[in-house]
Amino acid sequence: AFVGTLFLVARGVDAVTDPMMGLVVDNTRSRFGKFRPWIVIGT
């Protein structure tokens, strides 16, 4: 029951952070483009 609840609560955090990360990526300007730097950092 704790694990199932944890999985659900964590997605409440993602509901905020996922669109924010999309905003960060779309505002990124670099000589490597806006996607690839974040792929490496995130990995």
PDB file of all heavy atoms in Angstrom:
ATOM      1  N   ALA A   1       0.826  -1.199   0.000  1.00  0.00           N
ATOM      2  CA  ALA A   1       0.000   0.000   0.000  1.00  0.00           C
ATOM      3  C   ALA A   1       0.866   1.258   0.000  1.00  0.00           C
ATOM      4  O   ALA A   1       0.569   2.240  -0.696  1.00  0.00           O
ATOM      5  CB  ALA A   1      -0.930  -0.002   1.205  1.00  0.00           C
ATOM      6  N   PHE A   2       1.953   1.244   0.763  1.00  0.00           N
ATOM      7  CA  PHE A   2       2.859   2.397   0.792  1.00  0.00           C
ATOM      8  C   PHE A   2       3.476   2.614  -0.578  1.00  0.00           C
ATOM      9  O   PHE A   2       3.560   3.756  -1.067  1.00  0.00           O
ATOM     10  CB  PHE A   2       3.961   2.183   1.829  1.00  0.00           C
ATOM     11  CG  PHE A   2       5.060   3.215   1.769  1.00  0.00           C
ATOM     12  CD1 PHE A   2       4.916   4.440   2.394  1.00  0.00           C
ATOM     13  CD2 PHE A   2       6.236   2.957   1.059  1.00  0.00           C
ATOM     14  CE1 PHE A   2       5.922   5.408   2.318  1.00  0.00           C
ATOM     15  CE2 PHE A   2       7.241   3.912   0.977  1.00  0.00           C
ATOM     16  CZ  PHE A   2       7.078   5.131   1.611  1.00  0.00           C
ATOM     17  N   VAL A   3       3.924   1.538  -1.212  1.00  0.00           N
ATOM     18  CA  VAL A   3       4.574   1.658  -2.510  1.00  0.00           C
ATOM     19  C   VAL A   3       3.605   2.210  -3.543  1.00  0.00           C
ATOM     20  O   VAL A   3       3.940   3.119  -4.315  1.00  0.00           O
ATOM     21  CB  VAL A   3       5.135   0.303  -2.962  1.00  0.00           C
ATOM     22  CG1 VAL A   3       5.720   0.412  -4.369  1.00  0.00           C
ATOM     23  CG2 VAL A   3       6.201  -0.189  -1.986  1.00  0.00           C
ATOM     24  N   GLY A   4       2.392   1.675  -3.577  1.00  0.00           N
ATOM     25  CA  GLY A   4       1.403   2.168  -4.526  1.00  0.00           C
ATOM     26  C   GLY A   4       1.108   3.635  -4.320  1.00  0.00           C
ATOM     27  O   GLY A   4       0.985   4.412  -5.279  1.00  0.00           O
ATOM     28  N   THR A   5       0.992   4.054  -3.067  1.00  0.00           N
ATOM     29  CA  THR A   5       0.736   5.465  -2.762  1.00  0.00           C
ATOM     30  C   THR A   5       1.925   6.331  -3.154  1.00  0.00           C
ATOM     31  O   THR A   5       1.760   7.434  -3.693  1.00  0.00           O
ATOM     32  CB  THR A   5       0.429   5.633  -1.267  1.00  0.00           C
ATOM     33  OG1 THR A   5      -0.680   4.800  -0.915  1.00  0.00           O
ATOM     34  CG2 THR A   5       0.097   7.077  -0.942  1.00  0.00           C
ATOM     35  N   LEU A   6       3.141   5.835  -2.894  1.00  0.00           N
ATOM     36  CA  LEU A   6       4.346   6.567  -3.277  1.00  0.00           C
ATOM     37  C   LEU A   6       4.381   6.807  -4.782  1.00  0.00           C
ATOM     38  O   LEU A   6       4.698   7.915  -5.239  1.00  0.00           O
ATOM     39  CB  LEU A   6       5.590   5.788  -2.836  1.00  0.00           C
ATOM     40  CG  LEU A   6       6.943   6.308  -3.343  1.00  0.00           C
ATOM     41  CD1 LEU A   6       7.199   7.728  -2.856  1.00  0.00           C
ATOM     42  CD2 LEU A   6       8.071   5.361  -2.916  1.00  0.00           C
ATOM     43  N   PHE A   7       4.064   5.784  -5.569  1.00  0.00           N
ATOM     44  CA  PHE A   7       4.069   5.930  -7.022  1.00  0.00           C
ATOM     45  C   PHE A   7       3.115   7.047  -7.457  1.00  0.00           C
ATOM     46  O   PHE A   7       3.426   7.827  -8.352  1.00  0.00           O
ATOM     47  CB  PHE A   7       3.648   4.613  -7.684  1.00  0.00           C
ATOM     48  CG  PHE A   7       4.705   3.544  -7.640  1.00  0.00           C
ATOM     49  CD1 PHE A   7       4.432   2.265  -8.089  1.00  0.00           C
ATOM     50  CD2 PHE A   7       5.980   3.805  -7.145  1.00  0.00           C
ATOM     51  CE1 PHE A   7       5.397   1.273  -8.056  1.00  0.00           C
ATOM     52  CE2 PHE A   7       6.955   2.817  -7.111  1.00  0.00           C
ATOM     53  CZ  PHE A   7       6.664   1.549  -7.568  1.00  0.00           C
ATOM     54  N   LEU A   8       1.964   7.119  -6.815  1.00  0.00           N
ATOM     55  CA  LEU A   8       0.968   8.113  -7.193  1.00  0.00           C
ATOM     56  C   LEU A   8       1.378   9.509  -6.744  1.00  0.00           C
ATOM     57  O   LEU A   8       1.269  10.478  -7.513  1.00  0.00           O
ATOM     58  CB  LEU A   8      -0.386   7.737  -6.589  1.00  0.00           C
ATOM     59  CG  LEU A   8      -1.620   8.414  -7.194  1.00  0.00           C
ATOM     60  CD1 LEU A   8      -1.721   8.119  -8.679  1.00  0.00           C
ATOM     61  CD2 LEU A   8      -2.875   7.941  -6.472  1.00  0.00           C
ATOM     62  N   VAL A   9       1.874   9.640  -5.524  1.00  0.00           N
ATOM     63  CA  VAL A   9       2.280  10.948  -5.002  1.00  0.00           C
ATOM     64  C   VAL A   9       3.429  11.526  -5.824  1.00  0.00           C
ATOM     65  O   VAL A   9       3.463  12.732  -6.119  1.00  0.00           O
ATOM     66  CB  VAL A   9       2.691  10.825  -3.517  1.00  0.00           C
ATOM     67  CG1 VAL A   9       3.351  12.113  -3.033  1.00  0.00           C
ATOM     68  CG2 VAL A   9       1.465  10.516  -2.652  1.00  0.00           C
ATOM     69  N   ALA A  10       4.362  10.677  -6.221  1.00  0.00           N
ATOM     70  CA  ALA A  10       5.506  11.148  -7.002  1.00  0.00           C
ATOM     71  C   ALA A  10       5.074  11.766  -8.326  1.00  0.00           C
ATOM     72  O   ALA A  10       5.707  12.699  -8.825  1.00  0.00           O
ATOM     73  CB  ALA A  10       6.471   9.992  -7.271  1.00  0.00           C
ATOM     74  N   ARG A  11       3.983  11.281  -8.872  1.00  0.00           N
ATOM     75  CA  ARG A  11       3.510  11.847 -10.131  1.00  0.00           C
ATOM     76  C   ARG A  11       2.918  13.238  -9.936  1.00  0.00           C
ATOM     77  O   ARG A  11       2.841  14.019 -10.881  1.00  0.00           O
ATOM     78  CB  ARG A  11       2.473  10.920 -10.772  1.00  0.00           C
ATOM     79  CG  ARG A  11       2.995   9.560 -11.113  1.00  0.00           C
ATOM     80  CD  ARG A  11       4.073   9.550 -12.173  1.00  0.00           C
ATOM     81  NE  ARG A  11       5.383   9.948 -11.709  1.00  0.00           N
ATOM     82  CZ  ARG A  11       6.260   9.148 -11.113  1.00  0.00           C
ATOM     83  NH1 ARG A  11       5.959   7.872 -10.895  1.00  0.00           N
ATOM     84  NH2 ARG A  11       7.434   9.601 -10.751  1.00  0.00           N
ATOM     85  N   GLY A  12       2.482  13.553  -8.732  1.00  0.00           N
ATOM     86  CA  GLY A  12       2.057  14.921  -8.453  1.00  0.00           C
ATOM     87  C   GLY A  12       3.216  15.889  -8.600  1.00  0.00           C
ATOM     88  O   GLY A  12       3.053  17.013  -9.077  1.00  0.00           O
ATOM     89  N   VAL A  13       4.399  15.445  -8.202  1.00  0.00           N
ATOM     90  CA  VAL A  13       5.608  16.244  -8.398  1.00  0.00           C
ATOM     91  C   VAL A  13       5.893  16.389  -9.893  1.00  0.00           C
ATOM     92  O   VAL A  13       6.202  17.477 -10.393  1.00  0.00           O
ATOM     93  CB  VAL A  13       6.813  15.600  -7.680  1.00  0.00           C
ATOM     94  CG1 VAL A  13       8.092  16.378  -7.951  1.00  0.00           C
ATOM     95  CG2 VAL A  13       6.544  15.504  -6.184  1.00  0.00           C
ATOM     96  N   ASP A  14       5.760  15.281 -10.641  1.00  0.00           N
ATOM     97  CA  ASP A  14       6.044  15.313 -12.075  1.00  0.00           C
ATOM     98  C   ASP A  14       5.079  16.215 -12.839  1.00  0.00           C
ATOM     99  O   ASP A  14       5.443  16.780 -13.877  1.00  0.00           O
ATOM    100  CB  ASP A  14       5.970  13.898 -12.661  1.00  0.00           C
ATOM    101  CG  ASP A  14       7.085  13.010 -12.144  1.00  0.00           C
ATOM    102  OD1 ASP A  14       8.157  13.548 -11.814  1.00  0.00           O
ATOM    103  OD2 ASP A  14       6.878  11.786 -12.045  1.00  0.00           O
ATOM    104  N   ALA A  15       3.852  16.334 -12.359  1.00  0.00           N
ATOM    105  CA  ALA A  15       2.877  17.186 -13.030  1.00  0.00           C
ATOM    106  C   ALA A  15       3.348  18.634 -13.081  1.00  0.00           C
ATOM    107  O   ALA A  15       2.950  19.401 -13.965  1.00  0.00           O
ATOM    108  CB  ALA A  15       1.527  17.106 -12.313  1.00  0.00           C
ATOM    109  N   VAL A  16       4.207  19.000 -12.144  1.00  0.00           N
ATOM    110  CA  VAL A  16       4.784  20.346 -12.118  1.00  0.00           C
ATOM    111  C   VAL A  16       6.124  20.367 -12.848  1.00  0.00           C
ATOM    112  O   VAL A  16       6.383  21.236 -13.687  1.00  0.00           O
ATOM    113  CB  VAL A  16       4.972  20.834 -10.669  1.00  0.00           C
ATOM    114  CG1 VAL A  16       5.653  22.197 -10.648  1.00  0.00           C
ATOM    115  CG2 VAL A  16       3.634  20.892  -9.949  1.00  0.00           C
ATOM    116  N   THR A  17       6.989  19.401 -12.559  1.00  0.00           N
ATOM    117  CA  THR A  17       8.352  19.443 -13.086  1.00  0.00           C
ATOM    118  C   THR A  17       8.451  19.090 -14.569  1.00  0.00           C
ATOM    119  O   THR A  17       9.322  19.629 -15.269  1.00  0.00           O
ATOM    120  CB  THR A  17       9.275  18.497 -12.288  1.00  0.00           C
ATOM    121  OG1 THR A  17       8.774  17.157 -12.369  1.00  0.00           O
ATOM    122  CG2 THR A  17       9.345  18.923 -10.828  1.00  0.00           C
ATOM    123  N   ASP A  18       7.576  18.234 -15.089  1.00  0.00           N
ATOM    124  CA  ASP A  18       7.669  17.844 -16.496  1.00  0.00           C
ATOM    125  C   ASP A  18       7.413  19.019 -17.442  1.00  0.00           C
ATOM    126  O   ASP A  18       8.227  19.281 -18.341  1.00  0.00           O
ATOM    127  CB  ASP A  18       6.720  16.682 -16.794  1.00  0.00           C
ATOM    128  CG  ASP A  18       7.241  15.360 -16.243  1.00  0.00           C
ATOM    129  OD1 ASP A  18       8.225  15.378 -15.482  1.00  0.00           O
ATOM    130  OD2 ASP A  18       6.664  14.311 -16.573  1.00  0.00           O
ATOM    131  N   PRO A  19       6.294  19.755 -17.303  1.00  0.00           N
ATOM    132  CA  PRO A  19       6.117  20.938 -18.165  1.00  0.00           C
ATOM    133  C   PRO A  19       7.203  21.985 -17.955  1.00  0.00           C
ATOM    134  O   PRO A  19       7.598  22.669 -18.902  1.00  0.00           O
ATOM    135  CB  PRO A  19       4.739  21.474 -17.753  1.00  0.00           C
ATOM    136  CG  PRO A  19       4.038  20.311 -17.141  1.00  0.00           C
ATOM    137  CD  PRO A  19       5.112  19.522 -16.459  1.00  0.00           C
ATOM    138  N   MET A  20       7.696  22.116 -16.718  1.00  0.00           N
ATOM    139  CA  MET A  20       8.777  23.072 -16.465  1.00  0.00           C
ATOM    140  C   MET A  20      10.031  22.680 -17.228  1.00  0.00           C
ATOM    141  O   MET A  20      10.736  23.536 -17.769  1.00  0.00           O
ATOM    142  CB  MET A  20       9.065  23.150 -14.965  1.00  0.00           C
ATOM    143  CG  MET A  20       8.015  23.887 -14.165  1.00  0.00           C
ATOM    144  SD  MET A  20       8.411  23.962 -12.394  1.00  0.00           S
ATOM    145  CE  MET A  20       9.927  24.918 -12.442  1.00  0.00           C
ATOM    146  N   MET A  21      10.320  21.370 -17.295  1.00  0.00           N
ATOM    147  CA  MET A  21      11.485  20.925 -18.045  1.00  0.00           C
ATOM    148  C   MET A  21      11.280  21.165 -19.536  1.00  0.00           C
ATOM    149  O   MET A  21      12.210  21.539 -20.252  1.00  0.00           O
ATOM    150  CB  MET A  21      11.740  19.438 -17.780  1.00  0.00           C
ATOM    151  CG  MET A  21      13.071  18.937 -18.358  1.00  0.00           C
ATOM    152  SD  MET A  21      14.474  19.797 -17.638  1.00  0.00           S
ATOM    153  CE  MET A  21      15.622  19.830 -19.014  1.00  0.00           C
ATOM    154  N   GLY A  22      10.068  20.966 -20.012  1.00  0.00           N
ATOM    155  CA  GLY A  22       9.768  21.294 -21.405  1.00  0.00           C
ATOM    156  C   GLY A  22      10.017  22.760 -21.690  1.00  0.00           C
ATOM    157  O   GLY A  22      10.551  23.135 -22.744  1.00  0.00           O
ATOM    158  N   LEU A  23       9.658  23.621 -20.753  1.00  0.00           N
ATOM    159  CA  LEU A  23       9.892  25.061 -20.879  1.00  0.00           C
ATOM    160  C   LEU A  23      11.387  25.358 -20.934  1.00  0.00           C
ATOM    161  O   LEU A  23      11.856  26.145 -21.766  1.00  0.00           O
ATOM    162  CB  LEU A  23       9.249  25.787 -19.691  1.00  0.00           C
ATOM    163  CG  LEU A  23       9.469  27.303 -19.583  1.00  0.00           C
ATOM    164  CD1 LEU A  23       8.795  28.029 -20.737  1.00  0.00           C
ATOM    165  CD2 LEU A  23       8.943  27.821 -18.252  1.00  0.00           C
ATOM    166  N   VAL A  24      12.151  24.707 -20.055  1.00  0.00           N
ATOM    167  CA  VAL A  24      13.603  24.915 -20.026  1.00  0.00           C
ATOM    168  C   VAL A  24      14.235  24.499 -21.360  1.00  0.00           C
ATOM    169  O   VAL A  24      15.062  25.220 -21.926  1.00  0.00           O
ATOM    170  CB  VAL A  24      14.240  24.120 -18.859  1.00  0.00           C
ATOM    171  CG1 VAL A  24      15.756  24.121 -18.972  1.00  0.00           C
ATOM    172  CG2 VAL A  24      13.818  24.706 -17.520  1.00  0.00           C
ATOM    173  N   VAL A  25      13.839  23.345 -21.867  1.00  0.00           N
ATOM    174  CA  VAL A  25      14.412  22.848 -23.120  1.00  0.00           C
ATOM    175  C   VAL A  25      14.065  23.787 -24.274  1.00  0.00           C
ATOM    176  O   VAL A  25      14.932  24.144 -25.087  1.00  0.00           O
ATOM    177  CB  VAL A  25      13.931  21.423 -23.420  1.00  0.00           C
ATOM    178  CG1 VAL A  25      14.399  20.972 -24.805  1.00  0.00           C
ATOM    179  CG2 VAL A  25      14.435  20.450 -22.364  1.00  0.00           C
ATOM    180  N   ASP A  26      12.810  24.196 -24.363  1.00  0.00           N
ATOM    181  CA  ASP A  26      12.411  25.063 -25.467  1.00  0.00           C
ATOM    182  C   ASP A  26      13.057  26.440 -25.397  1.00  0.00           C
ATOM    183  O   ASP A  26      13.129  27.148 -26.408  1.00  0.00           O
ATOM    184  CB  ASP A  26      10.880  25.194 -25.503  1.00  0.00           C
ATOM    185  CG  ASP A  26      10.220  24.077 -26.292  1.00  0.00           C
ATOM    186  OD1 ASP A  26      10.860  23.549 -27.213  1.00  0.00           O
ATOM    187  OD2 ASP A  26       9.078  23.712 -25.973  1.00  0.00           O
ATOM    188  N   ASN A  27      13.515  26.837 -24.232  1.00  0.00           N
ATOM    189  CA  ASN A  27      14.206  28.119 -24.087  1.00  0.00           C
ATOM    190  C   ASN A  27      15.725  27.990 -24.191  1.00  0.00           C
ATOM    191  O   ASN A  27      16.440  28.984 -24.066  1.00  0.00           O
ATOM    192  CB  ASN A  27      13.853  28.766 -22.741  1.00  0.00           C
ATOM    193  CG  ASN A  27      12.483  29.406 -22.759  1.00  0.00           C
ATOM    194  OD1 ASN A  27      11.988  29.796 -23.813  1.00  0.00           O
ATOM    195  ND2 ASN A  27      11.848  29.515 -21.602  1.00  0.00           N
ATOM    196  N   THR A  28      16.212  26.764 -24.408  1.00  0.00           N
ATOM    197  CA  THR A  28      17.652  26.544 -24.498  1.00  0.00           C
ATOM    198  C   THR A  28      18.173  26.965 -25.875  1.00  0.00           C
ATOM    199  O   THR A  28      17.592  26.625 -26.899  1.00  0.00           O
ATOM    200  CB  THR A  28      17.989  25.060 -24.247  1.00  0.00           C
ATOM    201  OG1 THR A  28      17.614  24.712 -22.914  1.00  0.00           O
ATOM    202  CG2 THR A  28      19.476  24.803 -24.432  1.00  0.00           C
ATOM    203  N   ARG A  29      19.255  27.714 -25.881  1.00  0.00           N
ATOM    204  CA  ARG A  29      19.931  28.108 -27.118  1.00  0.00           C
ATOM    205  C   ARG A  29      21.410  27.775 -26.953  1.00  0.00           C
ATOM    206  O   ARG A  29      22.087  28.333 -26.097  1.00  0.00           O
ATOM    207  CB  ARG A  29      19.781  29.619 -27.383  1.00  0.00           C
ATOM    208  CG  ARG A  29      18.338  30.127 -27.362  1.00  0.00           C
ATOM    209  CD  ARG A  29      17.564  29.692 -28.591  1.00  0.00           C
ATOM    210  NE  ARG A  29      16.231  30.296 -28.599  1.00  0.00           N
ATOM    211  CZ  ARG A  29      15.142  29.712 -28.137  1.00  0.00           C
ATOM    212  NH1 ARG A  29      15.238  28.484 -27.600  1.00  0.00           N
ATOM    213  NH2 ARG A  29      13.971  30.304 -28.192  1.00  0.00           N
ATOM    214  N   SER A  30      21.911  26.824 -27.724  1.00  0.00           N
ATOM    215  CA  SER A  30      23.324  26.465 -27.629  1.00  0.00           C
ATOM    216  C   SER A  30      23.814  25.993 -28.977  1.00  0.00           C
ATOM    217  O   SER A  30      23.021  25.683 -29.874  1.00  0.00           O
ATOM    218  CB  SER A  30      23.532  25.359 -26.575  1.00  0.00           C
ATOM    219  OG  SER A  30      23.241  24.089 -27.122  1.00  0.00           O
ATOM    220  N   ARG A  31      25.134  25.927 -29.126  1.00  0.00           N
ATOM    221  CA  ARG A  31      25.693  25.478 -30.406  1.00  0.00           C
ATOM    222  C   ARG A  31      25.447  23.991 -30.640  1.00  0.00           C
ATOM    223  O   ARG A  31      25.644  23.487 -31.751  1.00  0.00           O
ATOM    224  CB  ARG A  31      27.186  25.791 -30.468  1.00  0.00           C
ATOM    225  CG  ARG A  31      28.073  25.027 -29.509  1.00  0.00           C
ATOM    226  CD  ARG A  31      29.477  25.612 -29.500  1.00  0.00           C
ATOM    227  NE  ARG A  31      30.399  24.872 -28.669  1.00  0.00           N
ATOM    228  CZ  ARG A  31      31.223  23.930 -29.115  1.00  0.00           C
ATOM    229  NH1 ARG A  31      31.205  23.592 -30.399  1.00  0.00           N
ATOM    230  NH2 ARG A  31      32.054  23.309 -28.299  1.00  0.00           N
ATOM    231  N   PHE A  32      25.003  23.271 -29.603  1.00  0.00           N
ATOM    232  CA  PHE A  32      24.654  21.859 -29.741  1.00  0.00           C
ATOM    233  C   PHE A  32      23.153  21.654 -29.916  1.00  0.00           C
ATOM    234  O   PHE A  32      22.662  20.529 -29.877  1.00  0.00           O
ATOM    235  CB  PHE A  32      25.124  21.079 -28.513  1.00  0.00           C
ATOM    236  CG  PHE A  32      26.598  21.141 -28.274  1.00  0.00           C
ATOM    237  CD1 PHE A  32      27.105  21.859 -27.211  1.00  0.00           C
ATOM    238  CD2 PHE A  32      27.482  20.500 -29.132  1.00  0.00           C
ATOM    239  CE1 PHE A  32      28.474  21.927 -26.987  1.00  0.00           C
ATOM    240  CE2 PHE A  32      28.847  20.559 -28.926  1.00  0.00           C
ATOM    241  CZ  PHE A  32      29.350  21.281 -27.853  1.00  0.00           C
ATOM    242  N   GLY A  33      22.407  22.753 -30.119  1.00  0.00           N
ATOM    243  CA  GLY A  33      20.962  22.661 -30.200  1.00  0.00           C
ATOM    244  C   GLY A  33      20.338  22.742 -28.822  1.00  0.00           C
ATOM    245  O   GLY A  33      21.022  22.936 -27.810  1.00  0.00           O
ATOM    246  N   LYS A  34      19.034  22.563 -28.768  1.00  0.00           N
ATOM    247  CA  LYS A  34      18.355  22.685 -27.480  1.00  0.00           C
ATOM    248  C   LYS A  34      18.043  21.345 -26.828  1.00  0.00           C
ATOM    249  O   LYS A  34      17.655  21.294 -25.665  1.00  0.00           O
ATOM    250  CB  LYS A  34      17.070  23.488 -27.629  1.00  0.00           C
ATOM    251  CG  LYS A  34      15.983  22.855 -28.494  1.00  0.00           C
ATOM    252  CD  LYS A  34      14.785  23.802 -28.595  1.00  0.00           C
ATOM    253  CE  LYS A  34      13.658  23.203 -29.410  1.00  0.00           C
ATOM    254  NZ  LYS A  34      12.496  24.115 -29.503  1.00  0.00           N
ATOM    255  N   PHE A  35      18.237  20.249 -27.558  1.00  0.00           N
ATOM    256  CA  PHE A  35      17.876  18.942 -27.019  1.00  0.00           C
ATOM    257  C   PHE A  35      19.075  18.157 -26.474  1.00  0.00           C
ATOM    258  O   PHE A  35      19.049  17.624 -25.365  1.00  0.00           O
ATOM    259  CB  PHE A  35      17.185  18.096 -28.101  1.00  0.00           C
ATOM    260  CG  PHE A  35      15.986  18.752 -28.720  1.00  0.00           C
ATOM    261  CD1 PHE A  35      15.985  19.105 -30.060  1.00  0.00           C
ATOM    262  CD2 PHE A  35      14.859  19.020 -27.961  1.00  0.00           C
ATOM    263  CE1 PHE A  35      14.881  19.707 -30.632  1.00  0.00           C
ATOM    264  CE2 PHE A  35      13.753  19.629 -28.530  1.00  0.00           C
ATOM    265  CZ  PHE A  35      13.760  19.979 -29.865  1.00  0.00           C
ATOM    266  N   ARG A  36      20.148  18.074 -27.263  1.00  0.00           N
ATOM    267  CA  ARG A  36      21.240  17.152 -26.938  1.00  0.00           C
ATOM    268  C   ARG A  36      21.954  17.441 -25.620  1.00  0.00           C
ATOM    269  O   ARG A  36      22.310  16.503 -24.900  1.00  0.00           O
ATOM    270  CB  ARG A  36      22.225  17.102 -28.101  1.00  0.00           C
ATOM    271  CG  ARG A  36      21.636  16.434 -29.345  1.00  0.00           C
ATOM    272  CD  ARG A  36      22.648  16.384 -30.467  1.00  0.00           C
ATOM    273  NE  ARG A  36      22.989  17.716 -30.943  1.00  0.00           N
ATOM    274  CZ  ARG A  36      24.193  18.054 -31.402  1.00  0.00           C
ATOM    275  NH1 ARG A  36      25.161  17.154 -31.443  1.00  0.00           N
ATOM    276  NH2 ARG A  36      24.421  19.275 -31.838  1.00  0.00           N
ATOM    277  N   PRO A  37      22.207  18.715 -25.260  1.00  0.00           N
ATOM    278  CA  PRO A  37      22.872  18.930 -23.970  1.00  0.00           C
ATOM    279  C   PRO A  37      22.098  18.361 -22.795  1.00  0.00           C
ATOM    280  O   PRO A  37      22.672  17.782 -21.864  1.00  0.00           O
ATOM    281  CB  PRO A  37      22.975  20.466 -23.884  1.00  0.00           C
ATOM    282  CG  PRO A  37      22.951  20.933 -25.302  1.00  0.00           C
ATOM    283  CD  PRO A  37      22.020  19.991 -26.004  1.00  0.00           C
ATOM    284  N   TRP A  38      20.773  18.498 -22.840  1.00  0.00           N
ATOM    285  CA  TRP A  38      19.947  18.020 -21.729  1.00  0.00           C
ATOM    286  C   TRP A  38      19.868  16.497 -21.707  1.00  0.00           C
ATOM    287  O   TRP A  38      19.681  15.900 -20.633  1.00  0.00           O
ATOM    288  CB  TRP A  38      18.553  18.633 -21.794  1.00  0.00           C
ATOM    289  CG  TRP A  38      18.565  20.091 -21.477  1.00  0.00           C
ATOM    290  CD1 TRP A  38      18.319  21.131 -22.324  1.00  0.00           C
ATOM    291  CD2 TRP A  38      18.878  20.677 -20.206  1.00  0.00           C
ATOM    292  NE1 TRP A  38      18.455  22.321 -21.674  1.00  0.00           N
ATOM    293  CE2 TRP A  38      18.788  22.078 -20.370  1.00  0.00           C
ATOM    294  CE3 TRP A  38      19.214  20.168 -18.954  1.00  0.00           C
ATOM    295  CZ2 TRP A  38      19.027  22.970 -19.324  1.00  0.00           C
ATOM    296  CZ3 TRP A  38      19.452  21.044 -17.917  1.00  0.00           C
ATOM    297  CH2 TRP A  38      19.359  22.424 -18.096  1.00  0.00           C
ATOM    298  N   ILE A  39      19.989  15.850 -22.866  1.00  0.00           N
ATOM    299  CA  ILE A  39      20.005  14.384 -22.891  1.00  0.00           C
ATOM    300  C   ILE A  39      21.191  13.859 -22.098  1.00  0.00           C
ATOM    301  O   ILE A  39      21.064  12.926 -21.290  1.00  0.00           O
ATOM    302  CB  ILE A  39      20.039  13.872 -24.349  1.00  0.00           C
ATOM    303  CG1 ILE A  39      18.701  14.173 -25.042  1.00  0.00           C
ATOM    304  CG2 ILE A  39      20.325  12.374 -24.389  1.00  0.00           C
ATOM    305  CD1 ILE A  39      18.689  13.838 -26.530  1.00  0.00           C
ATOM    306  N   VAL A  40      22.358  14.459 -22.298  1.00  0.00           N
ATOM    307  CA  VAL A  40      23.555  14.019 -21.583  1.00  0.00           C
ATOM    308  C   VAL A  40      23.468  14.361 -20.098  1.00  0.00           C
ATOM    309  O   VAL A  40      23.741  13.514 -19.227  1.00  0.00           O
ATOM    310  CB  VAL A  40      24.819  14.653 -22.201  1.00  0.00           C
ATOM    311  CG1 VAL A  40      26.046  14.320 -21.362  1.00  0.00           C
ATOM    312  CG2 VAL A  40      25.013  14.164 -23.624  1.00  0.00           C
ATOM    313  N   ILE A  41      23.088  15.591 -19.786  1.00  0.00           N
ATOM    314  CA  ILE A  41      22.975  16.006 -18.379  1.00  0.00           C
ATOM    315  C   ILE A  41      21.969  15.128 -17.641  1.00  0.00           C
ATOM    316  O   ILE A  41      22.229  14.628 -16.537  1.00  0.00           O
ATOM    317  CB  ILE A  41      22.560  17.489 -18.289  1.00  0.00           C
ATOM    318  CG1 ILE A  41      23.678  18.391 -18.835  1.00  0.00           C
ATOM    319  CG2 ILE A  41      22.236  17.875 -16.844  1.00  0.00           C
ATOM    320  CD1 ILE A  41      23.269  19.840 -19.009  1.00  0.00           C
ATOM    321  N   GLY A  42      20.815  14.915 -18.259  1.00  0.00           N
ATOM    322  CA  GLY A  42      19.784  14.099 -17.625  1.00  0.00           C
ATOM    323  C   GLY A  42      20.213  12.662 -17.420  1.00  0.00           C
ATOM    324  O   GLY A  42      19.896  12.045 -16.399  1.00  0.00           O
ATOM    325  N   THR A  43      20.931  12.120 -18.389  1.00  0.00           N
ATOM    326  CA  THR A  43      21.408  10.739 -18.268  1.00  0.00           C
ATOM    327  C   THR A  43      22.343  10.581 -17.078  1.00  0.00           C
ATOM    328  O   THR A  43      22.243   9.612 -16.306  1.00  0.00           O
ATOM    329  CB  THR A  43      22.122  10.306 -19.553  1.00  0.00           C
ATOM    330  OG1 THR A  43      21.182  10.311 -20.635  1.00  0.00           O
ATOM    331  CG2 THR A  43      22.715   8.918 -19.414  1.00  0.00           C
TER     332      THR A  43
END
